[in-house]
Amino acid sequence: MILGIGIDIIEVARIAASLEKFGHRFGERILSPAEIEYCLAHAHPAPFVAARFAAKEAISKAFGTGIGVQLGWKDMEVSHRESGEPFVILHGKGKSLFESRRAKGLFISISHTQAYAAVVAVLEG
């Protein structure tokens, strides 16, 4: 049974501008250390940061909370299996929300180009 679904799309240029303006502070505000390491391993990190930003927005929509008091940026972490398949690691409030909803799975699909990043998230019960 689907408990929630979320989608988000963002312009990579918007994230690139934030990275340029705020530097490492922007990434540290929304990303885990592992996510920062992954994004910075690419010659052009902005599309990868944008994808994680969109993923966290989509996940928060699937939970029905948005990002704020109930679910923060660092309560969600995007990682990848060896196959490249993305998956979500929940921390703190994210893990608590997942358990309180009696969810069984949280799935995401990520797509990005140099211009846009889009993510769909499905919360399964």
PDB file of N, CA and C in Angstrom:
ATOM      1  N   MET A   1       0.843  -1.166   0.000  1.00  0.00           N
ATOM      2  CA  MET A   1       0.000   0.000   0.000  1.00  0.00           C
ATOM      3  C   MET A   1       0.903   1.248   0.000  1.00  0.00           C
ATOM      4  N   ILE A   2       0.545   2.211  -0.809  1.00  0.00           N
ATOM      5  CA  ILE A   2       1.297   3.456  -0.872  1.00  0.00           C
ATOM      6  C   ILE A   2       0.773   4.403   0.206  1.00  0.00           C
ATOM      7  N   LEU A   3       1.674   4.856   1.056  1.00  0.00           N
ATOM      8  CA  LEU A   3       1.329   5.797   2.116  1.00  0.00           C
ATOM      9  C   LEU A   3       1.511   7.245   1.670  1.00  0.00           C
ATOM     10  N   GLY A   4       2.426   7.459   0.734  1.00  0.00           N
ATOM     11  CA  GLY A   4       2.676   8.812   0.264  1.00  0.00           C
ATOM     12  C   GLY A   4       3.562   8.812  -0.959  1.00  0.00           C
ATOM     13  N   ILE A   5       3.410   9.852  -1.756  1.00  0.00           N
ATOM     14  CA  ILE A   5       4.241  10.019  -2.945  1.00  0.00           C
ATOM     15  C   ILE A   5       4.641  11.490  -3.028  1.00  0.00           C
ATOM     16  N   GLY A   6       5.860  11.733  -3.457  1.00  0.00           N
ATOM     17  CA  GLY A   6       6.335  13.102  -3.602  1.00  0.00           C
ATOM     18  C   GLY A   6       7.167  13.239  -4.854  1.00  0.00           C
ATOM     19  N   ILE A   7       7.175  14.416  -5.409  1.00  0.00           N
ATOM     20  CA  ILE A   7       7.980  14.693  -6.598  1.00  0.00           C
ATOM     21  C   ILE A   7       8.565  16.087  -6.454  1.00  0.00           C
ATOM     22  N   ASP A   8       9.759  16.274  -6.991  1.00  0.00           N
ATOM     23  CA  ASP A   8      10.360  17.602  -6.990  1.00  0.00           C
ATOM     24  C   ASP A   8      11.258  17.739  -8.210  1.00  0.00           C
ATOM     25  N   ILE A   9      11.300  18.940  -8.741  1.00  0.00           N
ATOM     26  CA  ILE A   9      12.205  19.275  -9.835  1.00  0.00           C
ATOM     27  C   ILE A   9      12.848  20.610  -9.485  1.00  0.00           C
ATOM     28  N   ILE A  10      14.122  20.736  -9.779  1.00  0.00           N
ATOM     29  CA  ILE A  10      14.840  21.978  -9.472  1.00  0.00           C
ATOM     30  C   ILE A  10      15.806  22.298 -10.604  1.00  0.00           C
ATOM     31  N   GLU A  11      15.999  23.580 -10.827  1.00  0.00           N
ATOM     32  CA  GLU A  11      16.977  24.025 -11.810  1.00  0.00           C
ATOM     33  C   GLU A  11      18.368  23.906 -11.192  1.00  0.00           C
ATOM     34  N   VAL A  12      19.261  23.252 -11.875  1.00  0.00           N
ATOM     35  CA  VAL A  12      20.628  23.084 -11.383  1.00  0.00           C
ATOM     36  C   VAL A  12      21.300  24.442 -11.199  1.00  0.00           C
ATOM     37  N   ALA A  13      20.978  25.415 -12.051  1.00  0.00           N
ATOM     38  CA  ALA A  13      21.574  26.753 -11.948  1.00  0.00           C
ATOM     39  C   ALA A  13      21.259  27.406 -10.604  1.00  0.00           C
ATOM     40  N   ARG A  14      20.086  27.128 -10.059  1.00  0.00           N
ATOM     41  CA  ARG A  14      19.717  27.687  -8.746  1.00  0.00           C
ATOM     42  C   ARG A  14      20.646  27.144  -7.658  1.00  0.00           C
ATOM     43  N   ILE A  15      20.934  25.852  -7.716  1.00  0.00           N
ATOM     44  CA  ILE A  15      21.835  25.238  -6.735  1.00  0.00           C
ATOM     45  C   ILE A  15      23.264  25.717  -6.967  1.00  0.00           C
ATOM     46  N   ALA A  16      23.675  25.810  -8.229  1.00  0.00           N
ATOM     47  CA  ALA A  16      25.020  26.295  -8.549  1.00  0.00           C
ATOM     48  C   ALA A  16      25.214  27.708  -7.994  1.00  0.00           C
ATOM     49  N   ALA A  17      24.188  28.538  -8.103  1.00  0.00           N
ATOM     50  CA  ALA A  17      24.276  29.908  -7.584  1.00  0.00           C
ATOM     51  C   ALA A  17      24.408  29.908  -6.061  1.00  0.00           C
ATOM     52  N   SER A  18      23.674  29.024  -5.392  1.00  0.00           N
ATOM     53  CA  SER A  18      23.778  28.926  -3.930  1.00  0.00           C
ATOM     54  C   SER A  18      25.150  28.425  -3.509  1.00  0.00           C
ATOM     55  N   LEU A  19      25.683  27.465  -4.257  1.00  0.00           N
ATOM     56  CA  LEU A  19      27.023  26.959  -3.959  1.00  0.00           C
ATOM     57  C   LEU A  19      28.065  28.053  -4.146  1.00  0.00           C
ATOM     58  N   GLU A  20      27.890  28.857  -5.196  1.00  0.00           N
ATOM     59  CA  GLU A  20      28.837  29.943  -5.460  1.00  0.00           C
ATOM     60  C   GLU A  20      28.723  31.030  -4.390  1.00  0.00           C
ATOM     61  N   LYS A  21      27.508  31.363  -4.002  1.00  0.00           N
ATOM     62  CA  LYS A  21      27.285  32.445  -3.049  1.00  0.00           C
ATOM     63  C   LYS A  21      27.674  32.057  -1.619  1.00  0.00           C
ATOM     64  N   PHE A  22      27.267  30.839  -1.209  1.00  0.00           N
ATOM     65  CA  PHE A  22      27.456  30.436   0.185  1.00  0.00           C
ATOM     66  C   PHE A  22      28.577  29.423   0.394  1.00  0.00           C
ATOM     67  N   GLY A  23      29.114  28.895  -0.703  1.00  0.00           N
ATOM     68  CA  GLY A  23      30.218  27.940  -0.608  1.00  0.00           C
ATOM     69  C   GLY A  23      29.863  26.695   0.182  1.00  0.00           C
ATOM     70  N   HIS A  24      30.826  26.202   0.953  1.00  0.00           N
ATOM     71  CA  HIS A  24      30.650  24.947   1.677  1.00  0.00           C
ATOM     72  C   HIS A  24      29.532  25.019   2.714  1.00  0.00           C
ATOM     73  N   ARG A  25      29.172  26.227   3.181  1.00  0.00           N
ATOM     74  CA  ARG A  25      28.104  26.365   4.183  1.00  0.00           C
ATOM     75  C   ARG A  25      26.766  25.863   3.647  1.00  0.00           C
ATOM     76  N   PHE A  26      26.507  26.089   2.365  1.00  0.00           N
ATOM     77  CA  PHE A  26      25.253  25.627   1.774  1.00  0.00           C
ATOM     78  C   PHE A  26      25.178  24.106   1.808  1.00  0.00           C
ATOM     79  N   GLY A  27      26.231  23.446   1.327  1.00  0.00           N
ATOM     80  CA  GLY A  27      26.261  21.988   1.320  1.00  0.00           C
ATOM     81  C   GLY A  27      26.177  21.410   2.714  1.00  0.00           C
ATOM     82  N   GLU A  28      26.884  22.010   3.653  1.00  0.00           N
ATOM     83  CA  GLU A  28      26.878  21.505   5.028  1.00  0.00           C
ATOM     84  C   GLU A  28      25.522  21.669   5.693  1.00  0.00           C
ATOM     85  N   ARG A  29      24.716  22.617   5.233  1.00  0.00           N
ATOM     86  CA  ARG A  29      23.382  22.832   5.804  1.00  0.00           C
ATOM     87  C   ARG A  29      22.385  21.762   5.366  1.00  0.00           C
ATOM     88  N   ILE A  30      22.537  21.258   4.133  1.00  0.00           N
ATOM     89  CA  ILE A  30      21.524  20.333   3.609  1.00  0.00           C
ATOM     90  C   ILE A  30      22.019  18.907   3.396  1.00  0.00           C
ATOM     91  N   LEU A  31      23.333  18.689   3.377  1.00  0.00           N
ATOM     92  CA  LEU A  31      23.883  17.378   3.034  1.00  0.00           C
ATOM     93  C   LEU A  31      24.651  16.744   4.190  1.00  0.00           C
ATOM     94  N   SER A  32      24.668  15.422   4.192  1.00  0.00           N
ATOM     95  CA  SER A  32      25.493  14.685   5.157  1.00  0.00           C
ATOM     96  C   SER A  32      26.942  14.713   4.670  1.00  0.00           C
ATOM     97  N   PRO A  33      27.896  14.394   5.537  1.00  0.00           N
ATOM     98  CA  PRO A  33      29.295  14.328   5.081  1.00  0.00           C
ATOM     99  C   PRO A  33      29.489  13.358   3.913  1.00  0.00           C
ATOM    100  N   ALA A  34      28.813  12.227   3.925  1.00  0.00           N
ATOM    101  CA  ALA A  34      28.943  11.259   2.822  1.00  0.00           C
ATOM    102  C   ALA A  34      28.380  11.827   1.523  1.00  0.00           C
ATOM    103  N   GLU A  35      27.280  12.571   1.610  1.00  0.00           N
ATOM    104  CA  GLU A  35      26.701  13.184   0.411  1.00  0.00           C
ATOM    105  C   GLU A  35      27.636  14.263  -0.143  1.00  0.00           C
ATOM    106  N   ILE A  36      28.227  15.045   0.736  1.00  0.00           N
ATOM    107  CA  ILE A  36      29.177  16.082   0.302  1.00  0.00           C
ATOM    108  C   ILE A  36      30.357  15.432  -0.417  1.00  0.00           C
ATOM    109  N   GLU A  37      30.891  14.381   0.178  1.00  0.00           N
ATOM    110  CA  GLU A  37      32.023  13.676  -0.431  1.00  0.00           C
ATOM    111  C   GLU A  37      31.664  13.154  -1.818  1.00  0.00           C
ATOM    112  N   TYR A  38      30.478  12.545  -1.948  1.00  0.00           N
ATOM    113  CA  TYR A  38      30.029  12.005  -3.236  1.00  0.00           C
ATOM    114  C   TYR A  38      29.900  13.129  -4.276  1.00  0.00           C
ATOM    115  N   CYS A  39      29.257  14.217  -3.906  1.00  0.00           N
ATOM    116  CA  CYS A  39      29.031  15.310  -4.852  1.00  0.00           C
ATOM    117  C   CYS A  39      30.338  15.966  -5.289  1.00  0.00           C
ATOM    118  N   LEU A  40      31.240  16.169  -4.326  1.00  0.00           N
ATOM    119  CA  LEU A  40      32.508  16.827  -4.646  1.00  0.00           C
ATOM    120  C   LEU A  40      33.473  15.932  -5.426  1.00  0.00           C
ATOM    121  N   ALA A  41      33.175  14.641  -5.493  1.00  0.00           N
ATOM    122  CA  ALA A  41      34.004  13.723  -6.275  1.00  0.00           C
ATOM    123  C   ALA A  41      33.786  13.914  -7.775  1.00  0.00           C
ATOM    124  N   HIS A  42      32.764  14.680  -8.148  1.00  0.00           N
ATOM    125  CA  HIS A  42      32.467  14.940  -9.565  1.00  0.00           C
ATOM    126  C   HIS A  42      33.041  16.288  -9.972  1.00  0.00           C
ATOM    127  N   ALA A  43      33.474  16.371 -11.230  1.00  0.00           N
ATOM    128  CA  ALA A  43      34.054  17.615 -11.742  1.00  0.00           C
ATOM    129  C   ALA A  43      33.067  18.775 -11.651  1.00  0.00           C
ATOM    130  N   HIS A  44      31.790  18.495 -11.862  1.00  0.00           N
ATOM    131  CA  HIS A  44      30.727  19.493 -11.775  1.00  0.00           C
ATOM    132  C   HIS A  44      29.716  19.011 -10.740  1.00  0.00           C
ATOM    133  N   PRO A  45      29.884  19.397  -9.476  1.00  0.00           N
ATOM    134  CA  PRO A  45      29.042  18.857  -8.409  1.00  0.00           C
ATOM    135  C   PRO A  45      27.601  19.382  -8.382  1.00  0.00           C
ATOM    136  N   ALA A  46      27.321  20.520  -8.987  1.00  0.00           N
ATOM    137  CA  ALA A  46      25.992  21.133  -8.865  1.00  0.00           C
ATOM    138  C   ALA A  46      24.840  20.202  -9.244  1.00  0.00           C
ATOM    139  N   PRO A  47      24.896  19.445 -10.363  1.00  0.00           N
ATOM    140  CA  PRO A  47      23.766  18.554 -10.663  1.00  0.00           C
ATOM    141  C   PRO A  47      23.546  17.484  -9.586  1.00  0.00           C
ATOM    142  N   PHE A  48      24.612  17.050  -8.956  1.00  0.00           N
ATOM    143  CA  PHE A  48      24.512  16.014  -7.931  1.00  0.00           C
ATOM    144  C   PHE A  48      23.963  16.584  -6.622  1.00  0.00           C
ATOM    145  N   VAL A  49      24.363  17.808  -6.293  1.00  0.00           N
ATOM    146  CA  VAL A  49      23.805  18.487  -5.122  1.00  0.00           C
ATOM    147  C   VAL A  49      22.326  18.775  -5.381  1.00  0.00           C
ATOM    148  N   ALA A  50      22.004  19.234  -6.580  1.00  0.00           N
ATOM    149  CA  ALA A  50      20.612  19.516  -6.936  1.00  0.00           C
ATOM    150  C   ALA A  50      19.752  18.262  -6.824  1.00  0.00           C
ATOM    151  N   ALA A  51      20.292  17.127  -7.254  1.00  0.00           N
ATOM    152  CA  ALA A  51      19.537  15.874  -7.170  1.00  0.00           C
ATOM    153  C   ALA A  51      19.239  15.516  -5.715  1.00  0.00           C
ATOM    154  N   ARG A  52      20.193  15.737  -4.822  1.00  0.00           N
ATOM    155  CA  ARG A  52      19.970  15.438  -3.403  1.00  0.00           C
ATOM    156  C   ARG A  52      18.988  16.430  -2.778  1.00  0.00           C
ATOM    157  N   PHE A  53      19.081  17.688  -3.182  1.00  0.00           N
ATOM    158  CA  PHE A  53      18.121  18.690  -2.723  1.00  0.00           C
ATOM    159  C   PHE A  53      16.710  18.273  -3.138  1.00  0.00           C
ATOM    160  N   ALA A  54      16.540  17.933  -4.418  1.00  0.00           N
ATOM    161  CA  ALA A  54      15.229  17.519  -4.925  1.00  0.00           C
ATOM    162  C   ALA A  54      14.754  16.236  -4.254  1.00  0.00           C
ATOM    163  N   ALA A  55      15.685  15.310  -3.987  1.00  0.00           N
ATOM    164  CA  ALA A  55      15.310  14.057  -3.324  1.00  0.00           C
ATOM    165  C   ALA A  55      14.743  14.334  -1.941  1.00  0.00           C
ATOM    166  N   LYS A  56      15.383  15.210  -1.207  1.00  0.00           N
ATOM    167  CA  LYS A  56      14.924  15.509   0.153  1.00  0.00           C
ATOM    168  C   LYS A  56      13.576  16.223   0.128  1.00  0.00           C
ATOM    169  N   GLU A  57      13.371  17.097  -0.848  1.00  0.00           N
ATOM    170  CA  GLU A  57      12.063  17.740  -1.011  1.00  0.00           C
ATOM    171  C   GLU A  57      10.998  16.697  -1.352  1.00  0.00           C
ATOM    172  N   ALA A  58      11.300  15.788  -2.279  1.00  0.00           N
ATOM    173  CA  ALA A  58      10.330  14.760  -2.676  1.00  0.00           C
ATOM    174  C   ALA A  58      10.011  13.819  -1.514  1.00  0.00           C
ATOM    175  N   ILE A  59      11.024  13.445  -0.758  1.00  0.00           N
ATOM    176  CA  ILE A  59      10.820  12.568   0.403  1.00  0.00           C
ATOM    177  C   ILE A  59       9.924  13.259   1.425  1.00  0.00           C
ATOM    178  N   SER A  60      10.192  14.543   1.685  1.00  0.00           N
ATOM    179  CA  SER A  60       9.372  15.262   2.662  1.00  0.00           C
ATOM    180  C   SER A  60       7.918  15.364   2.198  1.00  0.00           C
ATOM    181  N   LYS A  61       7.701  15.460   0.896  1.00  0.00           N
ATOM    182  CA  LYS A  61       6.340  15.479   0.352  1.00  0.00           C
ATOM    183  C   LYS A  61       5.685  14.110   0.492  1.00  0.00           C
ATOM    184  N   ALA A  62       6.458  13.058   0.291  1.00  0.00           N
ATOM    185  CA  ALA A  62       5.907  11.706   0.464  1.00  0.00           C
ATOM    186  C   ALA A  62       5.469  11.483   1.909  1.00  0.00           C
ATOM    187  N   PHE A  63       6.211  12.049   2.854  1.00  0.00           N
ATOM    188  CA  PHE A  63       5.832  11.968   4.265  1.00  0.00           C
ATOM    189  C   PHE A  63       4.669  12.916   4.583  1.00  0.00           C
ATOM    190  N   GLY A  64       4.447  13.912   3.718  1.00  0.00           N
ATOM    191  CA  GLY A  64       3.379  14.875   3.947  1.00  0.00           C
ATOM    192  C   GLY A  64       3.738  15.955   4.943  1.00  0.00           C
ATOM    193  N   THR A  65       5.020  16.162   5.173  1.00  0.00           N
ATOM    194  CA  THR A  65       5.457  17.118   6.187  1.00  0.00           C
ATOM    195  C   THR A  65       6.122  18.357   5.618  1.00  0.00           C
ATOM    196  N   GLY A  66       6.699  18.248   4.441  1.00  0.00           N
ATOM    197  CA  GLY A  66       7.587  19.296   3.976  1.00  0.00           C
ATOM    198  C   GLY A  66       8.836  19.274   4.840  1.00  0.00           C
ATOM    199  N   ILE A  67       9.755  20.166   4.559  1.00  0.00           N
ATOM    200  CA  ILE A  67      10.984  20.236   5.352  1.00  0.00           C
ATOM    201  C   ILE A  67      10.810  21.349   6.377  1.00  0.00           C
ATOM    202  N   GLY A  68      11.021  20.990   7.625  1.00  0.00           N
ATOM    203  CA  GLY A  68      10.826  21.958   8.705  1.00  0.00           C
ATOM    204  C   GLY A  68      10.946  21.290  10.054  1.00  0.00           C
ATOM    205  N   VAL A  69      10.001  21.545  10.913  1.00  0.00           N
ATOM    206  CA  VAL A  69      10.037  21.064  12.292  1.00  0.00           C
ATOM    207  C   VAL A  69       9.984  19.537  12.370  1.00  0.00           C
ATOM    208  N   GLN A  70       9.122  18.923  11.571  1.00  0.00           N
ATOM    209  CA  GLN A  70       8.942  17.469  11.652  1.00  0.00           C
ATOM    210  C   GLN A  70      10.025  16.675  10.936  1.00  0.00           C
ATOM    211  N   LEU A  71      10.669  17.279   9.958  1.00  0.00           N
ATOM    212  CA  LEU A  71      11.654  16.569   9.139  1.00  0.00           C
ATOM    213  C   LEU A  71      12.669  17.567   8.600  1.00  0.00           C
ATOM    214  N   GLY A  72      13.927  17.395   9.002  1.00  0.00           N
ATOM    215  CA  GLY A  72      14.968  18.324   8.584  1.00  0.00           C
ATOM    216  C   GLY A  72      15.812  17.770   7.441  1.00  0.00           C
ATOM    217  N   TRP A  73      16.624  18.660   6.859  1.00  0.00           N
ATOM    218  CA  TRP A  73      17.482  18.290   5.733  1.00  0.00           C
ATOM    219  C   TRP A  73      18.372  17.096   6.061  1.00  0.00           C
ATOM    220  N   LYS A  74      18.940  17.081   7.250  1.00  0.00           N
ATOM    221  CA  LYS A  74      19.903  16.037   7.587  1.00  0.00           C
ATOM    222  C   LYS A  74      19.255  14.795   8.190  1.00  0.00           C
ATOM    223  N   ASP A  75      17.918  14.773   8.259  1.00  0.00           N
ATOM    224  CA  ASP A  75      17.198  13.572   8.686  1.00  0.00           C
ATOM    225  C   ASP A  75      17.082  12.574   7.539  1.00  0.00           C
ATOM    226  N   MET A  76      17.511  12.999   6.342  1.00  0.00           N
ATOM    227  CA  MET A  76      17.444  12.160   5.136  1.00  0.00           C
ATOM    228  C   MET A  76      18.810  12.185   4.457  1.00  0.00           C
ATOM    229  N   GLU A  77      19.244  11.037   3.985  1.00  0.00           N
ATOM    230  CA  GLU A  77      20.523  10.941   3.282  1.00  0.00           C
ATOM    231  C   GLU A  77      20.337  10.056   2.054  1.00  0.00           C
ATOM    232  N   VAL A  78      20.847  10.512   0.923  1.00  0.00           N
ATOM    233  CA  VAL A  78      20.758   9.742  -0.319  1.00  0.00           C
ATOM    234  C   VAL A  78      22.088   9.050  -0.550  1.00  0.00           C
ATOM    235  N   SER A  79      22.020   7.759  -0.792  1.00  0.00           N
ATOM    236  CA  SER A  79      23.222   6.982  -1.101  1.00  0.00           C
ATOM    237  C   SER A  79      22.934   6.138  -2.337  1.00  0.00           C
ATOM    238  N   HIS A  80      23.926   5.354  -2.765  1.00  0.00           N
ATOM    239  CA  HIS A  80      23.773   4.514  -3.958  1.00  0.00           C
ATOM    240  C   HIS A  80      24.322   3.126  -3.712  1.00  0.00           C
ATOM    241  N   ARG A  81      23.646   2.160  -4.269  1.00  0.00           N
ATOM    242  CA  ARG A  81      24.162   0.790  -4.262  1.00  0.00           C
ATOM    243  C   ARG A  81      25.247   0.695  -5.344  1.00  0.00           C
ATOM    244  N   GLU A  82      25.997  -0.386  -5.350  1.00  0.00           N
ATOM    245  CA  GLU A  82      27.038  -0.566  -6.381  1.00  0.00           C
ATOM    246  C   GLU A  82      26.455  -0.496  -7.782  1.00  0.00           C
ATOM    247  N   SER A  83      25.201  -0.922  -7.942  1.00  0.00           N
ATOM    248  CA  SER A  83      24.536  -0.898  -9.241  1.00  0.00           C
ATOM    249  C   SER A  83      24.204   0.519  -9.700  1.00  0.00           C
ATOM    250  N   GLY A  84      24.294   1.487  -8.782  1.00  0.00           N
ATOM    251  CA  GLY A  84      23.924   2.864  -9.086  1.00  0.00           C
ATOM    252  C   GLY A  84      22.542   3.226  -8.572  1.00  0.00           C
ATOM    253  N   GLU A  85      21.770   2.227  -8.146  1.00  0.00           N
ATOM    254  CA  GLU A  85      20.424   2.477  -7.632  1.00  0.00           C
ATOM    255  C   GLU A  85      20.487   3.353  -6.376  1.00  0.00           C
ATOM    256  N   PRO A  86      19.747   4.476  -6.374  1.00  0.00           N
ATOM    257  CA  PRO A  86      19.752   5.318  -5.179  1.00  0.00           C
ATOM    258  C   PRO A  86      18.871   4.718  -4.089  1.00  0.00           C
ATOM    259  N   PHE A  87      19.244   4.980  -2.846  1.00  0.00           N
ATOM    260  CA  PHE A  87      18.393   4.592  -1.730  1.00  0.00           C
ATOM    261  C   PHE A  87      18.522   5.638  -0.633  1.00  0.00           C
ATOM    262  N   VAL A  88      17.579   5.600   0.295  1.00  0.00           N
ATOM    263  CA  VAL A  88      17.513   6.610   1.346  1.00  0.00           C
ATOM    264  C   VAL A  88      17.901   5.998   2.680  1.00  0.00           C
ATOM    265  N   ILE A  89      18.715   6.732   3.420  1.00  0.00           N
ATOM    266  CA  ILE A  89      19.030   6.393   4.806  1.00  0.00           C
ATOM    267  C   ILE A  89      18.367   7.466   5.661  1.00  0.00           C
ATOM    268  N   LEU A  90      17.522   7.043   6.579  1.00  0.00           N
ATOM    269  CA  LEU A  90      16.832   7.994   7.445  1.00  0.00           C
ATOM    270  C   LEU A  90      17.533   8.080   8.795  1.00  0.00           C
ATOM    271  N   HIS A  91      17.617   9.291   9.302  1.00  0.00           N
ATOM    272  CA  HIS A  91      18.226   9.547  10.609  1.00  0.00           C
ATOM    273  C   HIS A  91      17.226  10.322  11.464  1.00  0.00           C
ATOM    274  N   GLY A  92      17.401  10.287  12.762  1.00  0.00           N
ATOM    275  CA  GLY A  92      16.648  11.140  13.678  1.00  0.00           C
ATOM    276  C   GLY A  92      15.160  11.173  13.413  1.00  0.00           C
ATOM    277  N   LYS A  93      14.649  12.380  13.117  1.00  0.00           N
ATOM    278  CA  LYS A  93      13.216  12.576  12.900  1.00  0.00           C
ATOM    279  C   LYS A  93      12.704  11.791  11.692  1.00  0.00           C
ATOM    280  N   GLY A  94      13.550  11.607  10.696  1.00  0.00           N
ATOM    281  CA  GLY A  94      13.153  10.828   9.521  1.00  0.00           C
ATOM    282  C   GLY A  94      12.870   9.383   9.888  1.00  0.00           C
ATOM    283  N   LYS A  95      13.747   8.815  10.677  1.00  0.00           N
ATOM    284  CA  LYS A  95      13.571   7.431  11.129  1.00  0.00           C
ATOM    285  C   LYS A  95      12.330   7.319  12.012  1.00  0.00           C
ATOM    286  N   SER A  96      12.128   8.290  12.886  1.00  0.00           N
ATOM    287  CA  SER A  96      10.950   8.288  13.765  1.00  0.00           C
ATOM    288  C   SER A  96       9.652   8.392  12.964  1.00  0.00           C
ATOM    289  N   LEU A  97       9.622   9.272  11.954  1.00  0.00           N
ATOM    290  CA  LEU A  97       8.439   9.405  11.094  1.00  0.00           C
ATOM    291  C   LEU A  97       8.146   8.096  10.367  1.00  0.00           C
ATOM    292  N   PHE A  98       9.186   7.494   9.821  1.00  0.00           N
ATOM    293  CA  PHE A  98       9.054   6.231   9.102  1.00  0.00           C
ATOM    294  C   PHE A  98       8.413   5.178  10.009  1.00  0.00           C
ATOM    295  N   GLU A  99       8.926   5.068  11.222  1.00  0.00           N
ATOM    296  CA  GLU A  99       8.413   4.080  12.172  1.00  0.00           C
ATOM    297  C   GLU A  99       6.997   4.423  12.626  1.00  0.00           C
ATOM    298  N   SER A 100       6.713   5.703  12.877  1.00  0.00           N
ATOM    299  CA  SER A 100       5.375   6.094  13.339  1.00  0.00           C
ATOM    300  C   SER A 100       4.317   5.867  12.271  1.00  0.00           C
ATOM    301  N   ARG A 101       4.700   5.931  11.011  1.00  0.00           N
ATOM    302  CA  ARG A 101       3.767   5.675   9.901  1.00  0.00           C
ATOM    303  C   ARG A 101       3.643   4.185   9.592  1.00  0.00           C
ATOM    304  N   ARG A 102       4.432   3.399  10.302  1.00  0.00           N
ATOM    305  CA  ARG A 102       4.497   1.945  10.071  1.00  0.00           C
ATOM    306  C   ARG A 102       4.821   1.642   8.611  1.00  0.00           C
ATOM    307  N   ALA A 103       5.727   2.430   8.076  1.00  0.00           N
ATOM    308  CA  ALA A 103       6.154   2.256   6.691  1.00  0.00           C
ATOM    309  C   ALA A 103       7.049   1.037   6.570  1.00  0.00           C
ATOM    310  N   LYS A 104       7.043   0.464   5.386  1.00  0.00           N
ATOM    311  CA  LYS A 104       7.871  -0.721   5.111  1.00  0.00           C
ATOM    312  C   LYS A 104       8.984  -0.418   4.117  1.00  0.00           C
ATOM    313  N   GLY A 105       8.833   0.657   3.364  1.00  0.00           N
ATOM    314  CA  GLY A 105       9.847   0.993   2.369  1.00  0.00           C
ATOM    315  C   GLY A 105       9.741   2.442   1.944  1.00  0.00           C
ATOM    316  N   LEU A 106      10.851   2.973   1.492  1.00  0.00           N
ATOM    317  CA  LEU A 106      10.918   4.324   0.948  1.00  0.00           C
ATOM    318  C   LEU A 106      11.786   4.246  -0.294  1.00  0.00           C
ATOM    319  N   PHE A 107      11.204   4.531  -1.426  1.00  0.00           N
ATOM    320  CA  PHE A 107      11.891   4.370  -2.705  1.00  0.00           C
ATOM    321  C   PHE A 107      12.003   5.713  -3.411  1.00  0.00           C
ATOM    322  N   ILE A 108      13.149   5.928  -4.080  1.00  0.00           N
ATOM    323  CA  ILE A 108      13.334   7.148  -4.852  1.00  0.00           C
ATOM    324  C   ILE A 108      13.877   6.806  -6.237  1.00  0.00           C
ATOM    325  N   SER A 109      13.551   7.664  -7.170  1.00  0.00           N
ATOM    326  CA  SER A 109      14.113   7.604  -8.511  1.00  0.00           C
ATOM    327  C   SER A 109      14.617   9.001  -8.834  1.00  0.00           C
ATOM    328  N   ILE A 110      15.877   9.067  -9.265  1.00  0.00           N
ATOM    329  CA  ILE A 110      16.539  10.352  -9.522  1.00  0.00           C
ATOM    330  C   ILE A 110      16.892  10.459 -11.002  1.00  0.00           C
ATOM    331  N   SER A 111      16.672  11.650 -11.551  1.00  0.00           N
ATOM    332  CA  SER A 111      17.114  11.937 -12.910  1.00  0.00           C
ATOM    333  C   SER A 111      17.655  13.361 -12.925  1.00  0.00           C
ATOM    334  N   HIS A 112      18.796  13.549 -13.566  1.00  0.00           N
ATOM    335  CA  HIS A 112      19.306  14.913 -13.678  1.00  0.00           C
ATOM    336  C   HIS A 112      20.089  15.098 -14.963  1.00  0.00           C
ATOM    337  N   THR A 113      20.059  16.345 -15.421  1.00  0.00           N
ATOM    338  CA  THR A 113      20.834  16.778 -16.576  1.00  0.00           C
ATOM    339  C   THR A 113      21.673  17.966 -16.090  1.00  0.00           C
ATOM    340  N   GLN A 114      22.339  18.628 -16.979  1.00  0.00           N
ATOM    341  CA  GLN A 114      23.075  19.831 -16.590  1.00  0.00           C
ATOM    342  C   GLN A 114      22.125  20.963 -16.208  1.00  0.00           C
ATOM    343  N   ALA A 115      20.853  20.883 -16.635  1.00  0.00           N
ATOM    344  CA  ALA A 115      19.904  21.970 -16.382  1.00  0.00           C
ATOM    345  C   ALA A 115      18.921  21.694 -15.243  1.00  0.00           C
ATOM    346  N   TYR A 116      18.487  20.436 -15.085  1.00  0.00           N
ATOM    347  CA  TYR A 116      17.450  20.113 -14.111  1.00  0.00           C
ATOM    348  C   TYR A 116      17.764  18.829 -13.361  1.00  0.00           C
ATOM    349  N   ALA A 117      17.216  18.754 -12.139  1.00  0.00           N
ATOM    350  CA  ALA A 117      17.229  17.513 -11.366  1.00  0.00           C
ATOM    351  C   ALA A 117      15.783  17.249 -10.954  1.00  0.00           C
ATOM    352  N   ALA A 118      15.351  16.001 -11.106  1.00  0.00           N
ATOM    353  CA  ALA A 118      13.977  15.628 -10.741  1.00  0.00           C
ATOM    354  C   ALA A 118      14.031  14.316  -9.952  1.00  0.00           C
ATOM    355  N   VAL A 119      13.168  14.234  -8.948  1.00  0.00           N
ATOM    356  CA  VAL A 119      13.129  13.050  -8.103  1.00  0.00           C
ATOM    357  C   VAL A 119      11.682  12.716  -7.761  1.00  0.00           C
ATOM    358  N   VAL A 120      11.379  11.425  -7.762  1.00  0.00           N
ATOM    359  CA  VAL A 120      10.105  10.906  -7.276  1.00  0.00           C
ATOM    360  C   VAL A 120      10.414  10.033  -6.067  1.00  0.00           C
ATOM    361  N   ALA A 121       9.600  10.186  -5.013  1.00  0.00           N
ATOM    362  CA  ALA A 121       9.738   9.380  -3.807  1.00  0.00           C
ATOM    363  C   ALA A 121       8.409   8.705  -3.496  1.00  0.00           C
ATOM    364  N   VAL A 122       8.468   7.442  -3.113  1.00  0.00           N
ATOM    365  CA  VAL A 122       7.268   6.680  -2.753  1.00  0.00           C
ATOM    366  C   VAL A 122       7.498   6.061  -1.372  1.00  0.00           C
ATOM    367  N   LEU A 123       6.562   6.351  -0.464  1.00  0.00           N
ATOM    368  CA  LEU A 123       6.569   5.781   0.877  1.00  0.00           C
ATOM    369  C   LEU A 123       5.575   4.630   0.879  1.00  0.00           C
ATOM    370  N   GLU A 124       6.074   3.432   1.171  1.00  0.00           N
ATOM    371  CA  GLU A 124       5.264   2.213   1.102  1.00  0.00           C
ATOM    372  C   GLU A 124       4.935   1.727   2.510  1.00  0.00           C
ATOM    373  N   GLY A 125       3.700   1.270   2.672  1.00  0.00           N
ATOM    374  CA  GLY A 125       3.270   0.744   3.959  1.00  0.00           C
ATOM    375  C   GLY A 125       2.919  -0.719   3.890  1.00  0.00           C
TER     376      GLY A 125
END
